[in-house]
PDB file of N, CA and C in Angstrom:
ATOM      1  N   MET A   1      -3.680  64.213  23.459  1.00  0.00           N
ATOM      2  CA  MET A   1      -3.234  62.973  22.889  1.00  0.00           C
ATOM      3  C   MET A   1      -1.722  63.043  22.705  1.00  0.00           C
ATOM      4  N   LEU A   2      -1.064  61.981  23.122  1.00  0.00           N
ATOM      5  CA  LEU A   2       0.375  61.857  22.891  1.00  0.00           C
ATOM      6  C   LEU A   2       0.572  60.785  21.836  1.00  0.00           C
ATOM      7  N   ILE A   3       1.211  61.167  20.730  1.00  0.00           N
ATOM      8  CA  ILE A   3       1.542  60.224  19.678  1.00  0.00           C
ATOM      9  C   ILE A   3       3.023  59.894  19.823  1.00  0.00           C
ATOM     10  N   VAL A   4       3.307  58.617  20.014  1.00  0.00           N
ATOM     11  CA  VAL A   4       4.693  58.164  20.122  1.00  0.00           C
ATOM     12  C   VAL A   4       4.984  57.392  18.836  1.00  0.00           C
ATOM     13  N   GLU A   5       5.620  58.086  17.896  1.00  0.00           N
ATOM     14  CA  GLU A   5       5.780  57.528  16.554  1.00  0.00           C
ATOM     15  C   GLU A   5       7.003  58.150  15.896  1.00  0.00           C
ATOM     16  N   ASP A   6       7.842  57.336  15.285  1.00  0.00           N
ATOM     17  CA  ASP A   6       9.035  57.839  14.619  1.00  0.00           C
ATOM     18  C   ASP A   6       8.861  57.986  13.108  1.00  0.00           C
ATOM     19  N   ASN A   7       7.685  57.692  12.597  1.00  0.00           N
ATOM     20  CA  ASN A   7       7.416  57.812  11.166  1.00  0.00           C
ATOM     21  C   ASN A   7       6.499  59.021  10.936  1.00  0.00           C
ATOM     22  N   GLY A   8       7.050  60.038  10.287  1.00  0.00           N
ATOM     23  CA  GLY A   8       6.296  61.272  10.069  1.00  0.00           C
ATOM     24  C   GLY A   8       5.006  61.082   9.278  1.00  0.00           C
ATOM     25  N   THR A   9       5.014  60.140   8.337  1.00  0.00           N
ATOM     26  CA  THR A   9       3.810  59.879   7.545  1.00  0.00           C
ATOM     27  C   THR A   9       2.690  59.336   8.423  1.00  0.00           C
ATOM     28  N   ASP A  10       3.026  58.457   9.345  1.00  0.00           N
ATOM     29  CA  ASP A  10       2.011  57.922  10.261  1.00  0.00           C
ATOM     30  C   ASP A  10       1.442  59.018  11.154  1.00  0.00           C
ATOM     31  N   VAL A  11       2.300  59.917  11.606  1.00  0.00           N
ATOM     32  CA  VAL A  11       1.832  61.043  12.423  1.00  0.00           C
ATOM     33  C   VAL A  11       0.875  61.904  11.609  1.00  0.00           C
ATOM     34  N   LEU A  12       1.223  62.162  10.365  1.00  0.00           N
ATOM     35  CA  LEU A  12       0.361  62.960   9.483  1.00  0.00           C
ATOM     36  C   LEU A  12      -1.003  62.305   9.306  1.00  0.00           C
ATOM     37  N   LEU A  13      -1.036  60.992   9.112  1.00  0.00           N
ATOM     38  CA  LEU A  13      -2.316  60.283   8.962  1.00  0.00           C
ATOM     39  C   LEU A  13      -3.188  60.417  10.201  1.00  0.00           C
ATOM     40  N   VAL A  14      -2.583  60.321  11.374  1.00  0.00           N
ATOM     41  CA  VAL A  14      -3.358  60.474  12.609  1.00  0.00           C
ATOM     42  C   VAL A  14      -3.893  61.900  12.724  1.00  0.00           C
ATOM     43  N   ARG A  15      -3.044  62.876  12.430  1.00  0.00           N
ATOM     44  CA  ARG A  15      -3.491  64.276  12.488  1.00  0.00           C
ATOM     45  C   ARG A  15      -4.658  64.519  11.519  1.00  0.00           C
ATOM     46  N   GLU A  16      -4.569  63.969  10.320  1.00  0.00           N
ATOM     47  CA  GLU A  16      -5.645  64.136   9.336  1.00  0.00           C
ATOM     48  C   GLU A  16      -6.938  63.470   9.808  1.00  0.00           C
ATOM     49  N   ALA A  17      -6.831  62.315  10.442  1.00  0.00           N
ATOM     50  CA  ALA A  17      -8.024  61.643  10.964  1.00  0.00           C
ATOM     51  C   ALA A  17      -8.666  62.473  12.074  1.00  0.00           C
ATOM     52  N   VAL A  18      -7.850  63.026  12.947  1.00  0.00           N
ATOM     53  CA  VAL A  18      -8.374  63.870  14.027  1.00  0.00           C
ATOM     54  C   VAL A  18      -9.080  65.082  13.438  1.00  0.00           C
ATOM     55  N   GLN A  19      -8.480  65.682  12.423  1.00  0.00           N
ATOM     56  CA  GLN A  19      -9.084  66.846  11.785  1.00  0.00           C
ATOM     57  C   GLN A  19     -10.359  66.466  11.035  1.00  0.00           C
ATOM     58  N   THR A  20     -10.351  65.353  10.324  1.00  0.00           N
ATOM     59  CA  THR A  20     -11.513  64.910   9.555  1.00  0.00           C
ATOM     60  C   THR A  20     -12.737  64.735  10.441  1.00  0.00           C
ATOM     61  N   TYR A  21     -12.521  64.182  11.619  1.00  0.00           N
ATOM     62  CA  TYR A  21     -13.636  63.925  12.533  1.00  0.00           C
ATOM     63  C   TYR A  21     -13.839  65.037  13.549  1.00  0.00           C
ATOM     64  N   SER A  22     -13.171  66.161  13.324  1.00  0.00           N
ATOM     65  CA  SER A  22     -13.314  67.359  14.168  1.00  0.00           C
ATOM     66  C   SER A  22     -13.184  67.033  15.648  1.00  0.00           C
ATOM     67  N   LEU A  23     -12.203  66.213  15.972  1.00  0.00           N
ATOM     68  CA  LEU A  23     -11.970  65.867  17.370  1.00  0.00           C
ATOM     69  C   LEU A  23     -11.218  66.996  18.046  1.00  0.00           C
ATOM     70  N   ASP A  24     -11.661  67.359  19.219  1.00  0.00           N
ATOM     71  CA  ASP A  24     -11.041  68.447  19.969  1.00  0.00           C
ATOM     72  C   ASP A  24      -9.912  67.859  20.821  1.00  0.00           C
ATOM     73  N   LEU A  25      -8.765  67.644  20.180  1.00  0.00           N
ATOM     74  CA  LEU A  25      -7.625  67.042  20.864  1.00  0.00           C
ATOM     75  C   LEU A  25      -6.404  67.938  20.730  1.00  0.00           C
ATOM     76  N   GLU A  26      -5.690  68.099  21.809  1.00  0.00           N
ATOM     77  CA  GLU A  26      -4.388  68.738  21.770  1.00  0.00           C
ATOM     78  C   GLU A  26      -3.382  67.619  21.509  1.00  0.00           C
ATOM     79  N   ILE A  27      -2.656  67.701  20.403  1.00  0.00           N
ATOM     80  CA  ILE A  27      -1.776  66.617  19.996  1.00  0.00           C
ATOM     81  C   ILE A  27      -0.320  66.980  20.260  1.00  0.00           C
ATOM     82  N   HIS A  28       0.375  66.057  20.919  1.00  0.00           N
ATOM     83  CA  HIS A  28       1.811  66.165  21.145  1.00  0.00           C
ATOM     84  C   HIS A  28       2.448  64.945  20.495  1.00  0.00           C
ATOM     85  N   VAL A  29       3.629  65.130  19.924  1.00  0.00           N
ATOM     86  CA  VAL A  29       4.308  64.039  19.229  1.00  0.00           C
ATOM     87  C   VAL A  29       5.734  63.916  19.758  1.00  0.00           C
ATOM     88  N   VAL A  30       6.126  62.697  20.067  1.00  0.00           N
ATOM     89  CA  VAL A  30       7.517  62.372  20.376  1.00  0.00           C
ATOM     90  C   VAL A  30       7.901  61.181  19.513  1.00  0.00           C
ATOM     91  N   ASP A  31       9.218  61.020  19.288  1.00  0.00           N
ATOM     92  CA  ASP A  31       9.628  60.003  18.327  1.00  0.00           C
ATOM     93  C   ASP A  31      10.365  58.799  18.912  1.00  0.00           C
ATOM     94  N   ASP A  32      10.384  58.677  20.243  1.00  0.00           N
ATOM     95  CA  ASP A  32      10.913  57.449  20.826  1.00  0.00           C
ATOM     96  C   ASP A  32      10.345  57.239  22.230  1.00  0.00           C
ATOM     97  N   GLY A  33      10.515  56.037  22.728  1.00  0.00           N
ATOM     98  CA  GLY A  33       9.921  55.657  24.006  1.00  0.00           C
ATOM     99  C   GLY A  33      10.439  56.449  25.186  1.00  0.00           C
ATOM    100  N   GLN A  34      11.737  56.769  25.185  1.00  0.00           N
ATOM    101  CA  GLN A  34      12.292  57.539  26.297  1.00  0.00           C
ATOM    102  C   GLN A  34      11.698  58.938  26.354  1.00  0.00           C
ATOM    103  N   LYS A  35      11.521  59.561  25.193  1.00  0.00           N
ATOM    104  CA  LYS A  35      10.900  60.895  25.156  1.00  0.00           C
ATOM    105  C   LYS A  35       9.451  60.830  25.636  1.00  0.00           C
ATOM    106  N   ALA A  36       8.769  59.733  25.350  1.00  0.00           N
ATOM    107  CA  ALA A  36       7.389  59.565  25.824  1.00  0.00           C
ATOM    108  C   ALA A  36       7.362  59.507  27.347  1.00  0.00           C
ATOM    109  N   LEU A  37       8.256  58.719  27.926  1.00  0.00           N
ATOM    110  CA  LEU A  37       8.315  58.638  29.393  1.00  0.00           C
ATOM    111  C   LEU A  37       8.676  59.986  30.004  1.00  0.00           C
ATOM    112  N   ASP A  38       9.611  60.698  29.380  1.00  0.00           N
ATOM    113  CA  ASP A  38       9.990  62.024  29.873  1.00  0.00           C
ATOM    114  C   ASP A  38       8.820  62.999  29.801  1.00  0.00           C
ATOM    115  N   PHE A  39       8.054  62.944  28.722  1.00  0.00           N
ATOM    116  CA  PHE A  39       6.892  63.819  28.550  1.00  0.00           C
ATOM    117  C   PHE A  39       5.860  63.562  29.651  1.00  0.00           C
ATOM    118  N   ILE A  40       5.572  62.298  29.888  1.00  0.00           N
ATOM    119  CA  ILE A  40       4.589  61.942  30.918  1.00  0.00           C
ATOM    120  C   ILE A  40       5.100  62.329  32.294  1.00  0.00           C
ATOM    121  N   ASP A  41       6.380  62.090  32.551  1.00  0.00           N
ATOM    122  CA  ASP A  41       6.976  62.441  33.842  1.00  0.00           C
ATOM    123  C   ASP A  41       6.911  63.942  34.080  1.00  0.00           C
ATOM    124  N   GLN A  42       7.140  64.728  33.035  1.00  0.00           N
ATOM    125  CA  GLN A  42       7.063  66.185  33.145  1.00  0.00           C
ATOM    126  C   GLN A  42       5.662  66.620  33.577  1.00  0.00           C
ATOM    127  N   GLY A  43       4.645  65.929  33.083  1.00  0.00           N
ATOM    128  CA  GLY A  43       3.271  66.256  33.445  1.00  0.00           C
ATOM    129  C   GLY A  43       2.967  66.019  34.914  1.00  0.00           C
ATOM    130  N   TYR A  44       3.649  65.068  35.506  1.00  0.00           N
ATOM    131  CA  TYR A  44       3.451  64.811  36.934  1.00  0.00           C
ATOM    132  C   TYR A  44       4.239  65.793  37.798  1.00  0.00           C
ATOM    133  N   LYS A  45       5.324  66.352  37.263  1.00  0.00           N
ATOM    134  CA  LYS A  45       6.169  67.274  38.027  1.00  0.00           C
ATOM    135  C   LYS A  45       5.724  68.726  37.903  1.00  0.00           C
ATOM    136  N   ASP A  46       5.164  69.079  36.756  1.00  0.00           N
ATOM    137  CA  ASP A  46       4.805  70.465  36.470  1.00  0.00           C
ATOM    138  C   ASP A  46       3.290  70.581  36.325  1.00  0.00           C
ATOM    139  N   PRO A  47       2.634  71.283  37.236  1.00  0.00           N
ATOM    140  CA  PRO A  47       1.167  71.383  37.175  1.00  0.00           C
ATOM    141  C   PRO A  47       0.648  72.124  35.939  1.00  0.00           C
ATOM    142  N   ASP A  48       1.523  72.855  35.229  1.00  0.00           N
ATOM    143  CA  ASP A  48       1.109  73.564  34.027  1.00  0.00           C
ATOM    144  C   ASP A  48       1.103  72.661  32.791  1.00  0.00           C
ATOM    145  N   VAL A  49       1.658  71.453  32.922  1.00  0.00           N
ATOM    146  CA  VAL A  49       1.711  70.500  31.807  1.00  0.00           C
ATOM    147  C   VAL A  49       0.710  69.387  32.085  1.00  0.00           C
ATOM    148  N   ARG A  50      -0.209  69.162  31.151  1.00  0.00           N
ATOM    149  CA  ARG A  50      -1.219  68.113  31.322  1.00  0.00           C
ATOM    150  C   ARG A  50      -0.666  66.766  30.895  1.00  0.00           C
ATOM    151  N   VAL A  51      -0.956  65.756  31.691  1.00  0.00           N
ATOM    152  CA  VAL A  51      -0.653  64.389  31.297  1.00  0.00           C
ATOM    153  C   VAL A  51      -1.703  63.990  30.256  1.00  0.00           C
ATOM    154  N   PRO A  52      -1.277  63.381  29.152  1.00  0.00           N
ATOM    155  CA  PRO A  52      -2.249  63.062  28.093  1.00  0.00           C
ATOM    156  C   PRO A  52      -3.281  62.036  28.551  1.00  0.00           C
ATOM    157  N   ASP A  53      -4.509  62.228  28.085  1.00  0.00           N
ATOM    158  CA  ASP A  53      -5.583  61.270  28.374  1.00  0.00           C
ATOM    159  C   ASP A  53      -5.502  60.064  27.444  1.00  0.00           C
ATOM    160  N   ILE A  54      -4.922  60.278  26.252  1.00  0.00           N
ATOM    161  CA  ILE A  54      -4.830  59.226  25.239  1.00  0.00           C
ATOM    162  C   ILE A  54      -3.393  59.175  24.732  1.00  0.00           C
ATOM    163  N   MET A  55      -2.886  57.954  24.553  1.00  0.00           N
ATOM    164  CA  MET A  55      -1.567  57.798  23.954  1.00  0.00           C
ATOM    165  C   MET A  55      -1.660  56.768  22.839  1.00  0.00           C
ATOM    166  N   LEU A  56      -1.162  57.145  21.666  1.00  0.00           N
ATOM    167  CA  LEU A  56      -1.073  56.234  20.537  1.00  0.00           C
ATOM    168  C   LEU A  56       0.398  55.863  20.419  1.00  0.00           C
ATOM    169  N   LEU A  57       0.704  54.576  20.634  1.00  0.00           N
ATOM    170  CA  LEU A  57       2.083  54.138  20.790  1.00  0.00           C
ATOM    171  C   LEU A  57       2.486  53.152  19.701  1.00  0.00           C
ATOM    172  N   ASP A  58       3.536  53.508  18.967  1.00  0.00           N
ATOM    173  CA  ASP A  58       4.165  52.587  18.024  1.00  0.00           C
ATOM    174  C   ASP A  58       4.976  51.600  18.856  1.00  0.00           C
ATOM    175  N   LEU A  59       4.848  50.316  18.585  1.00  0.00           N
ATOM    176  CA  LEU A  59       5.550  49.310  19.378  1.00  0.00           C
ATOM    177  C   LEU A  59       6.991  49.096  18.935  1.00  0.00           C
ATOM    178  N   ASN A  60       7.373  49.580  17.768  1.00  0.00           N
ATOM    179  CA  ASN A  60       8.719  49.400  17.261  1.00  0.00           C
ATOM    180  C   ASN A  60       9.398  50.755  17.155  1.00  0.00           C
ATOM    181  N   LEU A  61      10.054  51.168  18.236  1.00  0.00           N
ATOM    182  CA  LEU A  61      10.642  52.504  18.315  1.00  0.00           C
ATOM    183  C   LEU A  61      12.139  52.432  18.579  1.00  0.00           C
ATOM    184  N   PRO A  62      12.882  53.506  18.225  1.00  0.00           N
ATOM    185  CA  PRO A  62      14.286  53.556  18.582  1.00  0.00           C
ATOM    186  C   PRO A  62      14.461  53.796  20.093  1.00  0.00           C
ATOM    187  N   LEU A  63      15.584  53.406  20.622  1.00  0.00           N
ATOM    188  CA  LEU A  63      15.990  53.577  22.025  1.00  0.00           C
ATOM    189  C   LEU A  63      15.208  52.722  22.997  1.00  0.00           C
ATOM    190  N   MET A  64      13.914  52.817  22.968  1.00  0.00           N
ATOM    191  CA  MET A  64      13.061  52.044  23.882  1.00  0.00           C
ATOM    192  C   MET A  64      11.773  51.691  23.139  1.00  0.00           C
ATOM    193  N   SER A  65      11.517  50.423  22.961  1.00  0.00           N
ATOM    194  CA  SER A  65      10.325  50.008  22.206  1.00  0.00           C
ATOM    195  C   SER A  65       9.067  50.079  23.067  1.00  0.00           C
ATOM    196  N   GLY A  66       7.936  49.993  22.409  1.00  0.00           N
ATOM    197  CA  GLY A  66       6.657  50.031  23.099  1.00  0.00           C
ATOM    198  C   GLY A  66       6.454  48.792  23.933  1.00  0.00           C
TER     199      GLY A  66
END
């Protein structure tokens, strides 16, 4: 799961929900839209990096909005 969120409290809430429901997710967090695109692009270039199956995207982000 890729969380694209610039608010640390919101990230914490998502992490707690994942833990509460014992979801087997590898969580990555970036704090703006450009970093999200870079993360996904890295997954296509490097076979050792998995492209996330799920992305939770904040629509109001710095640099590049959702």
